[in-house]
Amino acid sequence: MIGLPVGTQIWLAAGVTDMRRGFDGLAAIAQEQLAADPFSGHVFVFRGRRGDLVKLLWWDGDGLCLFAKRLERGRFIWPNATDGRVHLSKAQLAMLLEGIDWRRPARTWQPERAA
């Protein structure tokens, strides 16, 4: 994952997005449907209907960057909402891109005693 500048917010576009869209189409969705500025430096994450493909749109200060990831097995975990946006932390984005359920991460070990 590319290191994002401090203060960068990550917005997940709830619902399904037509994955044939590119830079301009995804920027238009961010601006019109999410009521956000696609040139703000924030990251916008979109998912296709099948759930195995996501695209990330990010303005790096010089131009728009478009990143895509397809899972060979499994699906990306997405909120049940059909419209709107969800704010993610950088850690939640990292889990999402790994195919982990970012909504309820479970620790594999808990300490039993303090001493």
PDB file of N, CA and C in Angstrom:
ATOM      1  N   MET A   1       0.850  -1.182   0.000  1.00  0.00           N
ATOM      2  CA  MET A   1       0.000   0.000   0.000  1.00  0.00           C
ATOM      3  C   MET A   1       0.886   1.232   0.000  1.00  0.00           C
ATOM      4  N   ILE A   2       0.505   2.202  -0.754  1.00  0.00           N
ATOM      5  CA  ILE A   2       1.232   3.462  -0.822  1.00  0.00           C
ATOM      6  C   ILE A   2       0.970   4.249   0.457  1.00  0.00           C
ATOM      7  N   GLY A   3       2.012   4.828   1.027  1.00  0.00           N
ATOM      8  CA  GLY A   3       1.855   5.615   2.244  1.00  0.00           C
ATOM      9  C   GLY A   3       1.049   6.873   1.973  1.00  0.00           C
ATOM     10  N   LEU A   4      -0.025   7.044   2.703  1.00  0.00           N
ATOM     11  CA  LEU A   4      -0.881   8.210   2.521  1.00  0.00           C
ATOM     12  C   LEU A   4      -0.431   9.327   3.452  1.00  0.00           C
ATOM     13  N   PRO A   5      -0.553  10.584   3.038  1.00  0.00           N
ATOM     14  CA  PRO A   5      -0.182  11.701   3.901  1.00  0.00           C
ATOM     15  C   PRO A   5      -1.036  11.737   5.166  1.00  0.00           C
ATOM     16  N   VAL A   6      -0.473  12.320   6.211  1.00  0.00           N
ATOM     17  CA  VAL A   6      -1.211  12.476   7.468  1.00  0.00           C
ATOM     18  C   VAL A   6      -2.449  13.321   7.209  1.00  0.00           C
ATOM     19  N   GLY A   7      -3.548  12.923   7.803  1.00  0.00           N
ATOM     20  CA  GLY A   7      -4.799  13.659   7.638  1.00  0.00           C
ATOM     21  C   GLY A   7      -5.652  13.187   6.480  1.00  0.00           C
ATOM     22  N   THR A   8      -5.157  12.249   5.707  1.00  0.00           N
ATOM     23  CA  THR A   8      -5.950  11.715   4.597  1.00  0.00           C
ATOM     24  C   THR A   8      -7.099  10.890   5.146  1.00  0.00           C
ATOM     25  N   GLN A   9      -8.289  11.171   4.675  1.00  0.00           N
ATOM     26  CA  GLN A   9      -9.463  10.394   5.085  1.00  0.00           C
ATOM     27  C   GLN A   9      -9.767   9.361   4.015  1.00  0.00           C
ATOM     28  N   ILE A  10     -10.357   8.262   4.444  1.00  0.00           N
ATOM     29  CA  ILE A  10     -10.702   7.176   3.536  1.00  0.00           C
ATOM     30  C   ILE A  10     -12.206   7.002   3.578  1.00  0.00           C
ATOM     31  N   TRP A  11     -12.834   7.107   2.427  1.00  0.00           N
ATOM     32  CA  TRP A  11     -14.288   7.007   2.315  1.00  0.00           C
ATOM     33  C   TRP A  11     -14.654   5.814   1.444  1.00  0.00           C
ATOM     34  N   LEU A  12     -15.493   4.968   1.977  1.00  0.00           N
ATOM     35  CA  LEU A  12     -15.985   3.792   1.273  1.00  0.00           C
ATOM     36  C   LEU A  12     -17.361   4.135   0.718  1.00  0.00           C
ATOM     37  N   ALA A  13     -17.560   3.978  -0.574  1.00  0.00           N
ATOM     38  CA  ALA A  13     -18.847   4.264  -1.200  1.00  0.00           C
ATOM     39  C   ALA A  13     -19.753   3.050  -1.010  1.00  0.00           C
ATOM     40  N   ALA A  14     -20.772   3.203  -0.168  1.00  0.00           N
ATOM     41  CA  ALA A  14     -21.695   2.097   0.099  1.00  0.00           C
ATOM     42  C   ALA A  14     -22.466   1.755  -1.170  1.00  0.00           C
ATOM     43  N   GLY A  15     -22.901   0.518  -1.261  1.00  0.00           N
ATOM     44  CA  GLY A  15     -23.633   0.078  -2.440  1.00  0.00           C
ATOM     45  C   GLY A  15     -22.711  -0.479  -3.500  1.00  0.00           C
ATOM     46  N   VAL A  16     -23.244  -0.639  -4.688  1.00  0.00           N
ATOM     47  CA  VAL A  16     -22.524  -1.245  -5.801  1.00  0.00           C
ATOM     48  C   VAL A  16     -22.180  -0.175  -6.830  1.00  0.00           C
ATOM     49  N   THR A  17     -20.975  -0.273  -7.391  1.00  0.00           N
ATOM     50  CA  THR A  17     -20.515   0.668  -8.415  1.00  0.00           C
ATOM     51  C   THR A  17     -20.218  -0.106  -9.692  1.00  0.00           C
ATOM     52  N   ASP A  18     -20.523   0.501 -10.822  1.00  0.00           N
ATOM     53  CA  ASP A  18     -20.198  -0.076 -12.120  1.00  0.00           C
ATOM     54  C   ASP A  18     -18.681  -0.030 -12.287  1.00  0.00           C
ATOM     55  N   MET A  19     -18.032  -1.176 -12.295  1.00  0.00           N
ATOM     56  CA  MET A  19     -16.575  -1.241 -12.332  1.00  0.00           C
ATOM     57  C   MET A  19     -15.990  -0.934 -13.703  1.00  0.00           C
ATOM     58  N   ARG A  20     -16.834  -0.650 -14.691  1.00  0.00           N
ATOM     59  CA  ARG A  20     -16.329  -0.209 -15.988  1.00  0.00           C
ATOM     60  C   ARG A  20     -15.909   1.256 -15.937  1.00  0.00           C
ATOM     61  N   ARG A  21     -16.304   1.948 -14.881  1.00  0.00           N
ATOM     62  CA  ARG A  21     -15.964   3.362 -14.743  1.00  0.00           C
ATOM     63  C   ARG A  21     -14.478   3.539 -14.465  1.00  0.00           C
ATOM     64  N   GLY A  22     -13.965   4.645 -14.959  1.00  0.00           N
ATOM     65  CA  GLY A  22     -12.561   4.971 -14.759  1.00  0.00           C
ATOM     66  C   GLY A  22     -12.416   6.228 -13.917  1.00  0.00           C
ATOM     67  N   PHE A  23     -11.360   6.983 -14.189  1.00  0.00           N
ATOM     68  CA  PHE A  23     -11.057   8.182 -13.411  1.00  0.00           C
ATOM     69  C   PHE A  23     -12.246   9.137 -13.334  1.00  0.00           C
ATOM     70  N   ASP A  24     -12.736   9.547 -14.493  1.00  0.00           N
ATOM     71  CA  ASP A  24     -13.784  10.567 -14.540  1.00  0.00           C
ATOM     72  C   ASP A  24     -15.101  10.079 -13.953  1.00  0.00           C
ATOM     73  N   GLY A  25     -15.487   8.853 -14.270  1.00  0.00           N
ATOM     74  CA  GLY A  25     -16.746   8.312 -13.769  1.00  0.00           C
ATOM     75  C   GLY A  25     -16.747   8.150 -12.253  1.00  0.00           C
ATOM     76  N   LEU A  26     -15.641   7.662 -11.688  1.00  0.00           N
ATOM     77  CA  LEU A  26     -15.560   7.501 -10.235  1.00  0.00           C
ATOM     78  C   LEU A  26     -15.459   8.856  -9.537  1.00  0.00           C
ATOM     79  N   ALA A  27     -14.754   9.806 -10.142  1.00  0.00           N
ATOM     80  CA  ALA A  27     -14.686  11.155  -9.569  1.00  0.00           C
ATOM     81  C   ALA A  27     -16.070  11.792  -9.557  1.00  0.00           C
ATOM     82  N   ALA A  28     -16.868  11.551 -10.593  1.00  0.00           N
ATOM     83  CA  ALA A  28     -18.229  12.083 -10.645  1.00  0.00           C
ATOM     84  C   ALA A  28     -19.090  11.467  -9.544  1.00  0.00           C
ATOM     85  N   ILE A  29     -18.921  10.170  -9.282  1.00  0.00           N
ATOM     86  CA  ILE A  29     -19.674   9.523  -8.189  1.00  0.00           C
ATOM     87  C   ILE A  29     -19.280  10.137  -6.855  1.00  0.00           C
ATOM     88  N   ALA A  30     -17.978  10.326  -6.631  1.00  0.00           N
ATOM     89  CA  ALA A  30     -17.514  10.929  -5.383  1.00  0.00           C
ATOM     90  C   ALA A  30     -18.107  12.318  -5.204  1.00  0.00           C
ATOM     91  N   GLN A  31     -18.178  13.085  -6.275  1.00  0.00           N
ATOM     92  CA  GLN A  31     -18.666  14.456  -6.196  1.00  0.00           C
ATOM     93  C   GLN A  31     -20.179  14.525  -6.063  1.00  0.00           C
ATOM     94  N   GLU A  32     -20.907  13.753  -6.853  1.00  0.00           N
ATOM     95  CA  GLU A  32     -22.361  13.882  -6.897  1.00  0.00           C
ATOM     96  C   GLU A  32     -23.074  13.021  -5.865  1.00  0.00           C
ATOM     97  N   GLN A  33     -22.732  11.749  -5.779  1.00  0.00           N
ATOM     98  CA  GLN A  33     -23.456  10.846  -4.885  1.00  0.00           C
ATOM     99  C   GLN A  33     -22.929  10.882  -3.457  1.00  0.00           C
ATOM    100  N   LEU A  34     -21.615  11.094  -3.302  1.00  0.00           N
ATOM    101  CA  LEU A  34     -21.038  11.108  -1.955  1.00  0.00           C
ATOM    102  C   LEU A  34     -20.890  12.523  -1.412  1.00  0.00           C
ATOM    103  N   ALA A  35     -21.193  13.526  -2.217  1.00  0.00           N
ATOM    104  CA  ALA A  35     -21.086  14.930  -1.831  1.00  0.00           C
ATOM    105  C   ALA A  35     -19.698  15.245  -1.278  1.00  0.00           C
ATOM    106  N   ALA A  36     -18.671  14.777  -1.973  1.00  0.00           N
ATOM    107  CA  ALA A  36     -17.290  14.988  -1.553  1.00  0.00           C
ATOM    108  C   ALA A  36     -16.484  15.526  -2.725  1.00  0.00           C
ATOM    109  N   ASP A  37     -15.372  16.151  -2.410  1.00  0.00           N
ATOM    110  CA  ASP A  37     -14.490  16.698  -3.441  1.00  0.00           C
ATOM    111  C   ASP A  37     -13.464  15.637  -3.831  1.00  0.00           C
ATOM    112  N   PRO A  38     -13.511  15.113  -5.051  1.00  0.00           N
ATOM    113  CA  PRO A  38     -12.552  14.072  -5.449  1.00  0.00           C
ATOM    114  C   PRO A  38     -11.115  14.581  -5.530  1.00  0.00           C
ATOM    115  N   PHE A  39     -10.917  15.895  -5.500  1.00  0.00           N
ATOM    116  CA  PHE A  39      -9.589  16.484  -5.572  1.00  0.00           C
ATOM    117  C   PHE A  39      -9.110  16.986  -4.209  1.00  0.00           C
ATOM    118  N   SER A  40      -9.686  16.443  -3.148  1.00  0.00           N
ATOM    119  CA  SER A  40      -9.360  16.862  -1.781  1.00  0.00           C
ATOM    120  C   SER A  40      -8.124  16.156  -1.226  1.00  0.00           C
ATOM    121  N   GLY A  41      -7.690  15.096  -1.880  1.00  0.00           N
ATOM    122  CA  GLY A  41      -6.582  14.307  -1.350  1.00  0.00           C
ATOM    123  C   GLY A  41      -7.040  13.123  -0.542  1.00  0.00           C
ATOM    124  N   HIS A  42      -8.351  12.950  -0.398  1.00  0.00           N
ATOM    125  CA  HIS A  42      -8.894  11.804   0.325  1.00  0.00           C
ATOM    126  C   HIS A  42      -9.018  10.613  -0.619  1.00  0.00           C
ATOM    127  N   VAL A  43      -9.131   9.432  -0.057  1.00  0.00           N
ATOM    128  CA  VAL A  43      -9.231   8.191  -0.831  1.00  0.00           C
ATOM    129  C   VAL A  43     -10.692   7.761  -0.864  1.00  0.00           C
ATOM    130  N   PHE A  44     -11.167   7.380  -2.040  1.00  0.00           N
ATOM    131  CA  PHE A  44     -12.528   6.892  -2.214  1.00  0.00           C
ATOM    132  C   PHE A  44     -12.449   5.448  -2.707  1.00  0.00           C
ATOM    133  N   VAL A  45     -13.186   4.557  -2.033  1.00  0.00           N
ATOM    134  CA  VAL A  45     -13.126   3.128  -2.329  1.00  0.00           C
ATOM    135  C   VAL A  45     -14.479   2.694  -2.884  1.00  0.00           C
ATOM    136  N   PHE A  46     -14.451   1.962  -4.008  1.00  0.00           N
ATOM    137  CA  PHE A  46     -15.666   1.502  -4.688  1.00  0.00           C
ATOM    138  C   PHE A  46     -15.582  -0.005  -4.885  1.00  0.00           C
ATOM    139  N   ARG A  47     -16.740  -0.677  -4.833  1.00  0.00           N
ATOM    140  CA  ARG A  47     -16.781  -2.127  -5.025  1.00  0.00           C
ATOM    141  C   ARG A  47     -17.787  -2.484  -6.111  1.00  0.00           C
ATOM    142  N   GLY A  48     -17.468  -3.520  -6.882  1.00  0.00           N
ATOM    143  CA  GLY A  48     -18.351  -3.993  -7.940  1.00  0.00           C
ATOM    144  C   GLY A  48     -19.445  -4.907  -7.412  1.00  0.00           C
ATOM    145  N   ARG A  49     -20.323  -5.320  -8.308  1.00  0.00           N
ATOM    146  CA  ARG A  49     -21.483  -6.146  -7.939  1.00  0.00           C
ATOM    147  C   ARG A  49     -21.073  -7.516  -7.395  1.00  0.00           C
ATOM    148  N   ARG A  50     -20.100  -8.161  -8.014  1.00  0.00           N
ATOM    149  CA  ARG A  50     -19.690  -9.502  -7.561  1.00  0.00           C
ATOM    150  C   ARG A  50     -18.959  -9.473  -6.232  1.00  0.00           C
ATOM    151  N   GLY A  51     -18.353  -8.334  -5.909  1.00  0.00           N
ATOM    152  CA  GLY A  51     -17.698  -8.191  -4.616  1.00  0.00           C
ATOM    153  C   GLY A  51     -16.244  -8.628  -4.590  1.00  0.00           C
ATOM    154  N   ASP A  52     -15.704  -9.057  -5.721  1.00  0.00           N
ATOM    155  CA  ASP A  52     -14.311  -9.503  -5.724  1.00  0.00           C
ATOM    156  C   ASP A  52     -13.353  -8.444  -6.283  1.00  0.00           C
ATOM    157  N   LEU A  53     -13.874  -7.253  -6.639  1.00  0.00           N
ATOM    158  CA  LEU A  53     -13.062  -6.195  -7.216  1.00  0.00           C
ATOM    159  C   LEU A  53     -13.352  -4.878  -6.507  1.00  0.00           C
ATOM    160  N   VAL A  54     -12.288  -4.171  -6.120  1.00  0.00           N
ATOM    161  CA  VAL A  54     -12.431  -2.814  -5.587  1.00  0.00           C
ATOM    162  C   VAL A  54     -11.519  -1.888  -6.377  1.00  0.00           C
ATOM    163  N   LYS A  55     -11.932  -0.618  -6.444  1.00  0.00           N
ATOM    164  CA  LYS A  55     -11.116   0.431  -7.041  1.00  0.00           C
ATOM    165  C   LYS A  55     -11.000   1.562  -6.030  1.00  0.00           C
ATOM    166  N   LEU A  56      -9.797   2.122  -5.936  1.00  0.00           N
ATOM    167  CA  LEU A  56      -9.525   3.242  -5.052  1.00  0.00           C
ATOM    168  C   LEU A  56      -9.141   4.440  -5.901  1.00  0.00           C
ATOM    169  N   LEU A  57      -9.766   5.566  -5.635  1.00  0.00           N
ATOM    170  CA  LEU A  57      -9.485   6.806  -6.343  1.00  0.00           C
ATOM    171  C   LEU A  57      -8.852   7.778  -5.360  1.00  0.00           C
ATOM    172  N   TRP A  58      -7.710   8.382  -5.759  1.00  0.00           N
ATOM    173  CA  TRP A  58      -6.977   9.264  -4.855  1.00  0.00           C
ATOM    174  C   TRP A  58      -6.298  10.366  -5.651  1.00  0.00           C
ATOM    175  N   TRP A  59      -6.471  11.602  -5.202  1.00  0.00           N
ATOM    176  CA  TRP A  59      -5.774  12.748  -5.777  1.00  0.00           C
ATOM    177  C   TRP A  59      -4.495  12.934  -4.979  1.00  0.00           C
ATOM    178  N   ASP A  60      -3.338  12.793  -5.614  1.00  0.00           N
ATOM    179  CA  ASP A  60      -2.060  12.877  -4.899  1.00  0.00           C
ATOM    180  C   ASP A  60      -1.436  14.258  -4.948  1.00  0.00           C
ATOM    181  N   GLY A  61      -2.154  15.228  -5.487  1.00  0.00           N
ATOM    182  CA  GLY A  61      -1.635  16.586  -5.594  1.00  0.00           C
ATOM    183  C   GLY A  61      -1.226  16.935  -7.009  1.00  0.00           C
ATOM    184  N   ASP A  62      -0.869  15.934  -7.796  1.00  0.00           N
ATOM    185  CA  ASP A  62      -0.479  16.151  -9.191  1.00  0.00           C
ATOM    186  C   ASP A  62      -1.508  15.627 -10.171  1.00  0.00           C
ATOM    187  N   GLY A  63      -2.253  14.619  -9.761  1.00  0.00           N
ATOM    188  CA  GLY A  63      -3.243  14.005 -10.641  1.00  0.00           C
ATOM    189  C   GLY A  63      -4.001  12.916  -9.907  1.00  0.00           C
ATOM    190  N   LEU A  64      -5.022  12.408 -10.555  1.00  0.00           N
ATOM    191  CA  LEU A  64      -5.802  11.317  -9.964  1.00  0.00           C
ATOM    192  C   LEU A  64      -5.071   9.998 -10.138  1.00  0.00           C
ATOM    193  N   CYS A  65      -5.094   9.186  -9.088  1.00  0.00           N
ATOM    194  CA  CYS A  65      -4.530   7.837  -9.122  1.00  0.00           C
ATOM    195  C   CYS A  65      -5.684   6.855  -8.995  1.00  0.00           C
ATOM    196  N   LEU A  66      -5.645   5.808  -9.766  1.00  0.00           N
ATOM    197  CA  LEU A  66      -6.679   4.781  -9.720  1.00  0.00           C
ATOM    198  C   LEU A  66      -6.010   3.440  -9.469  1.00  0.00           C
ATOM    199  N   PHE A  67      -6.356   2.838  -8.343  1.00  0.00           N
ATOM    200  CA  PHE A  67      -5.807   1.541  -7.970  1.00  0.00           C
ATOM    201  C   PHE A  67      -6.935   0.525  -7.989  1.00  0.00           C
ATOM    202  N   ALA A  68      -6.633  -0.681  -8.414  1.00  0.00           N
ATOM    203  CA  ALA A  68      -7.635  -1.752  -8.445  1.00  0.00           C
ATOM    204  C   ALA A  68      -7.050  -3.003  -7.814  1.00  0.00           C
ATOM    205  N   LYS A  69      -7.917  -3.765  -7.140  1.00  0.00           N
ATOM    206  CA  LYS A  69      -7.505  -5.053  -6.593  1.00  0.00           C
ATOM    207  C   LYS A  69      -8.645  -6.039  -6.781  1.00  0.00           C
ATOM    208  N   ARG A  70      -8.292  -7.229  -7.257  1.00  0.00           N
ATOM    209  CA  ARG A  70      -9.257  -8.306  -7.416  1.00  0.00           C
ATOM    210  C   ARG A  70      -8.798  -9.478  -6.561  1.00  0.00           C
ATOM    211  N   LEU A  71      -9.718 -10.002  -5.758  1.00  0.00           N
ATOM    212  CA  LEU A  71      -9.417 -11.182  -4.959  1.00  0.00           C
ATOM    213  C   LEU A  71      -9.621 -12.424  -5.810  1.00  0.00           C
ATOM    214  N   GLU A  72      -8.699 -13.348  -5.738  1.00  0.00           N
ATOM    215  CA  GLU A  72      -8.841 -14.603  -6.474  1.00  0.00           C
ATOM    216  C   GLU A  72      -9.863 -15.519  -5.798  1.00  0.00           C
ATOM    217  N   ARG A  73      -9.937 -15.444  -4.476  1.00  0.00           N
ATOM    218  CA  ARG A  73     -10.950 -16.205  -3.729  1.00  0.00           C
ATOM    219  C   ARG A  73     -11.553 -15.298  -2.676  1.00  0.00           C
ATOM    220  N   GLY A  74     -12.842 -15.439  -2.448  1.00  0.00           N
ATOM    221  CA  GLY A  74     -13.508 -14.643  -1.431  1.00  0.00           C
ATOM    222  C   GLY A  74     -14.050 -13.334  -1.979  1.00  0.00           C
ATOM    223  N   ARG A  75     -14.623 -12.558  -1.073  1.00  0.00           N
ATOM    224  CA  ARG A  75     -15.240 -11.287  -1.421  1.00  0.00           C
ATOM    225  C   ARG A  75     -14.788 -10.220  -0.434  1.00  0.00           C
ATOM    226  N   PHE A  76     -14.787  -8.971  -0.889  1.00  0.00           N
ATOM    227  CA  PHE A  76     -14.492  -7.858  -0.016  1.00  0.00           C
ATOM    228  C   PHE A  76     -15.699  -7.611   0.889  1.00  0.00           C
ATOM    229  N   ILE A  77     -15.448  -7.380   2.171  1.00  0.00           N
ATOM    230  CA  ILE A  77     -16.521  -7.121   3.133  1.00  0.00           C
ATOM    231  C   ILE A  77     -17.014  -5.695   2.925  1.00  0.00           C
ATOM    232  N   TRP A  78     -18.328  -5.536   2.784  1.00  0.00           N
ATOM    233  CA  TRP A  78     -18.923  -4.241   2.475  1.00  0.00           C
ATOM    234  C   TRP A  78     -20.102  -3.992   3.394  1.00  0.00           C
ATOM    235  N   PRO A  79     -20.384  -2.742   3.754  1.00  0.00           N
ATOM    236  CA  PRO A  79     -21.549  -2.456   4.603  1.00  0.00           C
ATOM    237  C   PRO A  79     -22.849  -2.759   3.870  1.00  0.00           C
ATOM    238  N   ASN A  80     -23.908  -2.990   4.636  1.00  0.00           N
ATOM    239  CA  ASN A  80     -25.204  -3.339   4.058  1.00  0.00           C
ATOM    240  C   ASN A  80     -25.935  -2.150   3.434  1.00  0.00           C
ATOM    241  N   ALA A  81     -25.522  -0.937   3.742  1.00  0.00           N
ATOM    242  CA  ALA A  81     -26.184   0.248   3.200  1.00  0.00           C
ATOM    243  C   ALA A  81     -26.112   0.250   1.675  1.00  0.00           C
ATOM    244  N   THR A  82     -27.158   0.769   1.050  1.00  0.00           N
ATOM    245  CA  THR A  82     -27.210   0.805  -0.414  1.00  0.00           C
ATOM    246  C   THR A  82     -26.704   2.125  -0.973  1.00  0.00           C
ATOM    247  N   ASP A  83     -26.646   3.170  -0.146  1.00  0.00           N
ATOM    248  CA  ASP A  83     -26.105   4.443  -0.605  1.00  0.00           C
ATOM    249  C   ASP A  83     -25.427   5.157   0.554  1.00  0.00           C
ATOM    250  N   GLY A  84     -24.707   6.209   0.233  1.00  0.00           N
ATOM    251  CA  GLY A  84     -23.978   6.944   1.260  1.00  0.00           C
ATOM    252  C   GLY A  84     -22.516   6.542   1.298  1.00  0.00           C
ATOM    253  N   ARG A  85     -21.858   6.928   2.376  1.00  0.00           N
ATOM    254  CA  ARG A  85     -20.437   6.640   2.511  1.00  0.00           C
ATOM    255  C   ARG A  85     -20.126   6.262   3.945  1.00  0.00           C
ATOM    256  N   VAL A  86     -19.026   5.545   4.103  1.00  0.00           N
ATOM    257  CA  VAL A  86     -18.567   5.087   5.404  1.00  0.00           C
ATOM    258  C   VAL A  86     -17.108   5.500   5.547  1.00  0.00           C
ATOM    259  N   HIS A  87     -16.759   6.059   6.699  1.00  0.00           N
ATOM    260  CA  HIS A  87     -15.380   6.469   6.956  1.00  0.00           C
ATOM    261  C   HIS A  87     -14.590   5.281   7.477  1.00  0.00           C
ATOM    262  N   LEU A  88     -13.393   5.058   6.931  1.00  0.00           N
ATOM    263  CA  LEU A  88     -12.507   3.978   7.370  1.00  0.00           C
ATOM    264  C   LEU A  88     -11.192   4.554   7.871  1.00  0.00           C
ATOM    265  N   SER A  89     -10.569   3.842   8.805  1.00  0.00           N
ATOM    266  CA  SER A  89      -9.213   4.186   9.215  1.00  0.00           C
ATOM    267  C   SER A  89      -8.237   3.515   8.246  1.00  0.00           C
ATOM    268  N   LYS A  90      -6.969   3.889   8.332  1.00  0.00           N
ATOM    269  CA  LYS A  90      -5.966   3.253   7.475  1.00  0.00           C
ATOM    270  C   LYS A  90      -5.855   1.765   7.793  1.00  0.00           C
ATOM    271  N   ALA A  91      -5.981   1.407   9.072  1.00  0.00           N
ATOM    272  CA  ALA A  91      -5.924  -0.004   9.463  1.00  0.00           C
ATOM    273  C   ALA A  91      -7.108  -0.774   8.895  1.00  0.00           C
ATOM    274  N   GLN A  92      -8.295  -0.178   8.921  1.00  0.00           N
ATOM    275  CA  GLN A  92      -9.473  -0.836   8.361  1.00  0.00           C
ATOM    276  C   GLN A  92      -9.332  -1.010   6.856  1.00  0.00           C
ATOM    277  N   LEU A  93      -8.756  -0.014   6.167  1.00  0.00           N
ATOM    278  CA  LEU A  93      -8.527  -0.149   4.729  1.00  0.00           C
ATOM    279  C   LEU A  93      -7.559  -1.285   4.451  1.00  0.00           C
ATOM    280  N   ALA A  94      -6.502  -1.389   5.242  1.00  0.00           N
ATOM    281  CA  ALA A  94      -5.533  -2.476   5.053  1.00  0.00           C
ATOM    282  C   ALA A  94      -6.209  -3.834   5.229  1.00  0.00           C
ATOM    283  N   MET A  95      -7.077  -3.955   6.244  1.00  0.00           N
ATOM    284  CA  MET A  95      -7.801  -5.222   6.447  1.00  0.00           C
ATOM    285  C   MET A  95      -8.748  -5.492   5.291  1.00  0.00           C
ATOM    286  N   LEU A  96      -9.460  -4.462   4.842  1.00  0.00           N
ATOM    287  CA  LEU A  96     -10.384  -4.615   3.716  1.00  0.00           C
ATOM    288  C   LEU A  96      -9.652  -5.152   2.501  1.00  0.00           C
ATOM    289  N   LEU A  97      -8.495  -4.574   2.183  1.00  0.00           N
ATOM    290  CA  LEU A  97      -7.745  -4.984   0.994  1.00  0.00           C
ATOM    291  C   LEU A  97      -7.171  -6.390   1.125  1.00  0.00           C
ATOM    292  N   GLU A  98      -7.055  -6.896   2.347  1.00  0.00           N
ATOM    293  CA  GLU A  98      -6.595  -8.269   2.565  1.00  0.00           C
ATOM    294  C   GLU A  98      -7.749  -9.263   2.594  1.00  0.00           C
ATOM    295  N   GLY A  99      -8.977  -8.765   2.483  1.00  0.00           N
ATOM    296  CA  GLY A  99     -10.144  -9.643   2.516  1.00  0.00           C
ATOM    297  C   GLY A  99     -10.588  -9.994   3.926  1.00  0.00           C
ATOM    298  N   ILE A 100     -10.120  -9.240   4.922  1.00  0.00           N
ATOM    299  CA  ILE A 100     -10.475  -9.475   6.327  1.00  0.00           C
ATOM    300  C   ILE A 100     -11.713  -8.653   6.660  1.00  0.00           C
ATOM    301  N   ASP A 101     -12.567  -9.178   7.542  1.00  0.00           N
ATOM    302  CA  ASP A 101     -13.752  -8.441   7.975  1.00  0.00           C
ATOM    303  C   ASP A 101     -13.300  -7.286   8.862  1.00  0.00           C
ATOM    304  N   TRP A 102     -13.232  -6.094   8.316  1.00  0.00           N
ATOM    305  CA  TRP A 102     -12.739  -4.910   9.005  1.00  0.00           C
ATOM    306  C   TRP A 102     -13.735  -4.374  10.019  1.00  0.00           C
ATOM    307  N   ARG A 103     -14.996  -4.827   9.970  1.00  0.00           N
ATOM    308  CA  ARG A 103     -16.018  -4.309  10.876  1.00  0.00           C
ATOM    309  C   ARG A 103     -15.874  -4.866  12.287  1.00  0.00           C
ATOM    310  N   ARG A 104     -15.459  -6.131  12.414  1.00  0.00           N
ATOM    311  CA  ARG A 104     -15.328  -6.775  13.720  1.00  0.00           C
ATOM    312  C   ARG A 104     -14.059  -7.616  13.771  1.00  0.00           C
ATOM    313  N   PRO A 105     -12.892  -6.992  13.716  1.00  0.00           N
ATOM    314  CA  PRO A 105     -11.674  -7.807  13.787  1.00  0.00           C
ATOM    315  C   PRO A 105     -11.572  -8.483  15.151  1.00  0.00           C
ATOM    316  N   ALA A 106     -11.188  -9.729  15.146  1.00  0.00           N
ATOM    317  CA  ALA A 106     -11.087 -10.493  16.394  1.00  0.00           C
ATOM    318  C   ALA A 106      -9.614 -10.760  16.692  1.00  0.00           C
ATOM    319  N   ARG A 107      -9.237 -10.500  17.912  1.00  0.00           N
ATOM    320  CA  ARG A 107      -7.880 -10.814  18.330  1.00  0.00           C
ATOM    321  C   ARG A 107      -7.779 -12.317  18.558  1.00  0.00           C
ATOM    322  N   THR A 108      -6.620 -12.858  18.258  1.00  0.00           N
ATOM    323  CA  THR A 108      -6.450 -14.309  18.390  1.00  0.00           C
ATOM    324  C   THR A 108      -6.001 -14.718  19.782  1.00  0.00           C
ATOM    325  N   TRP A 109      -5.605 -13.738  20.610  1.00  0.00           N
ATOM    326  CA  TRP A 109      -5.122 -14.074  21.946  1.00  0.00           C
ATOM    327  C   TRP A 109      -5.450 -12.947  22.898  1.00  0.00           C
ATOM    328  N   GLN A 110      -5.885 -13.282  24.086  1.00  0.00           N
ATOM    329  CA  GLN A 110      -6.151 -12.325  25.145  1.00  0.00           C
ATOM    330  C   GLN A 110      -5.325 -12.715  26.364  1.00  0.00           C
ATOM    331  N   PRO A 111      -4.690 -11.762  27.048  1.00  0.00           N
ATOM    332  CA  PRO A 111      -3.943 -12.110  28.263  1.00  0.00           C
ATOM    333  C   PRO A 111      -4.888 -12.617  29.342  1.00  0.00           C
ATOM    334  N   GLU A 112      -4.413 -13.591  30.094  1.00  0.00           N
ATOM    335  CA  GLU A 112      -5.242 -14.169  31.156  1.00  0.00           C
ATOM    336  C   GLU A 112      -4.920 -13.581  32.518  1.00  0.00           C
ATOM    337  N   ARG A 113      -3.644 -13.234  32.762  1.00  0.00           N
ATOM    338  CA  ARG A 113      -3.248 -12.698  34.050  1.00  0.00           C
ATOM    339  C   ARG A 113      -2.287 -11.544  33.838  1.00  0.00           C
ATOM    340  N   ALA A 114      -2.305 -10.625  34.782  1.00  0.00           N
ATOM    341  CA  ALA A 114      -1.400  -9.479  34.701  1.00  0.00           C
ATOM    342  C   ALA A 114      -0.019  -9.794  35.270  1.00  0.00           C
ATOM    343  N   ALA A 115       0.048 -10.742  36.194  1.00  0.00           N
ATOM    344  CA  ALA A 115       1.350 -11.033  36.821  1.00  0.00           C
ATOM    345  C   ALA A 115       1.689 -12.488  36.726  1.00  0.00           C
TER     346      ALA A 115
END
